[in-house]
Amino acid sequence: MKEGDLSRRVQVVGRDEFAAFIGGTLDAVNANLWALVADIRSESTLVS
């Protein structure tokens, strides 16, 4: 995610509840960012 590749799932190493929570949260943030970037790209084609 930090390299800008939003196509990959976030992998968190750990088996406790906190790791599961953080992994799920980061995965959701990644999915939302991917959707936002896709929307911006789509809308930008309408402007130019």
C-alpha atoms as a PDB file:
ATOM      1  CA  MET A   1       0.000   0.000   0.000  1.00  0.00           C
ATOM      2  CA  LYS A   2       2.784   2.420   0.816  1.00  0.00           C
ATOM      3  CA  GLU A   3       4.310   1.836  -2.643  1.00  0.00           C
ATOM      4  CA  GLY A   4       1.038   2.945  -4.225  1.00  0.00           C
ATOM      5  CA  ASP A   5      -0.109  -0.499  -5.369  1.00  0.00           C
ATOM      6  CA  LEU A   6      -3.743  -0.651  -4.292  1.00  0.00           C
ATOM      7  CA  SER A   7      -4.448  -3.877  -6.181  1.00  0.00           C
ATOM      8  CA  ARG A   8      -2.976  -6.102  -3.485  1.00  0.00           C
ATOM      9  CA  ARG A   9      -4.588  -7.109  -0.229  1.00  0.00           C
ATOM     10  CA  VAL A  10      -2.982  -5.907   2.971  1.00  0.00           C
ATOM     11  CA  GLN A  11      -1.226  -8.711   4.834  1.00  0.00           C
ATOM     12  CA  VAL A  12      -0.787  -8.426   8.577  1.00  0.00           C
ATOM     13  CA  VAL A  13       1.312 -10.993  10.411  1.00  0.00           C
ATOM     14  CA  GLY A  14      -0.281 -12.073  13.649  1.00  0.00           C
ATOM     15  CA  ARG A  15      -2.999 -14.300  14.952  1.00  0.00           C
ATOM     16  CA  ASP A  16      -4.486 -12.307  17.800  1.00  0.00           C
ATOM     17  CA  GLU A  17      -7.616 -10.159  17.779  1.00  0.00           C
ATOM     18  CA  PHE A  18      -5.670  -6.938  17.328  1.00  0.00           C
ATOM     19  CA  ALA A  19      -3.875  -8.207  14.228  1.00  0.00           C
ATOM     20  CA  ALA A  20      -7.188  -9.387  12.774  1.00  0.00           C
ATOM     21  CA  PHE A  21      -8.770  -6.003  13.492  1.00  0.00           C
ATOM     22  CA  ILE A  22      -5.879  -4.021  12.017  1.00  0.00           C
ATOM     23  CA  GLY A  23      -5.692  -6.325   9.003  1.00  0.00           C
ATOM     24  CA  GLY A  24      -9.405  -5.946   8.294  1.00  0.00           C
ATOM     25  CA  THR A  25      -9.300  -2.201   8.807  1.00  0.00           C
ATOM     26  CA  LEU A  26      -6.303  -1.686   6.537  1.00  0.00           C
ATOM     27  CA  ASP A  27      -7.886  -3.926   3.919  1.00  0.00           C
ATOM     28  CA  ALA A  28     -11.060  -1.799   4.013  1.00  0.00           C
ATOM     29  CA  VAL A  29      -9.047   1.431   3.758  1.00  0.00           C
ATOM     30  CA  ASN A  30      -7.159  -0.022   0.802  1.00  0.00           C
ATOM     31  CA  ALA A  31     -10.406  -1.000  -0.949  1.00  0.00           C
ATOM     32  CA  ASN A  32     -11.898   2.449  -0.356  1.00  0.00           C
ATOM     33  CA  LEU A  33      -8.781   4.177  -1.676  1.00  0.00           C
ATOM     34  CA  TRP A  34      -8.839   1.951  -4.752  1.00  0.00           C
ATOM     35  CA  ALA A  35     -12.487   2.879  -5.396  1.00  0.00           C
ATOM     36  CA  LEU A  36     -11.746   6.585  -4.866  1.00  0.00           C
ATOM     37  CA  VAL A  37      -8.837   6.526  -7.315  1.00  0.00           C
ATOM     38  CA  ALA A  38     -10.982   4.663  -9.856  1.00  0.00           C
ATOM     39  CA  ASP A  39     -13.738   7.291  -9.499  1.00  0.00           C
ATOM     40  CA  ILE A  40     -11.276  10.155  -9.905  1.00  0.00           C
ATOM     41  CA  ARG A  41      -9.754   8.568 -13.006  1.00  0.00           C
ATOM     42  CA  SER A  42     -13.202   8.012 -14.472  1.00  0.00           C
ATOM     43  CA  GLU A  43     -14.364  11.571 -13.757  1.00  0.00           C
ATOM     44  CA  SER A  44     -11.125  13.105 -15.024  1.00  0.00           C
ATOM     45  CA  THR A  45     -11.756  11.639 -18.470  1.00  0.00           C
ATOM     46  CA  LEU A  46     -15.021  13.589 -18.585  1.00  0.00           C
ATOM     47  CA  VAL A  47     -13.264  16.878 -17.763  1.00  0.00           C
ATOM     48  CA  SER A  48     -10.480  16.712 -20.337  1.00  0.00           C
END
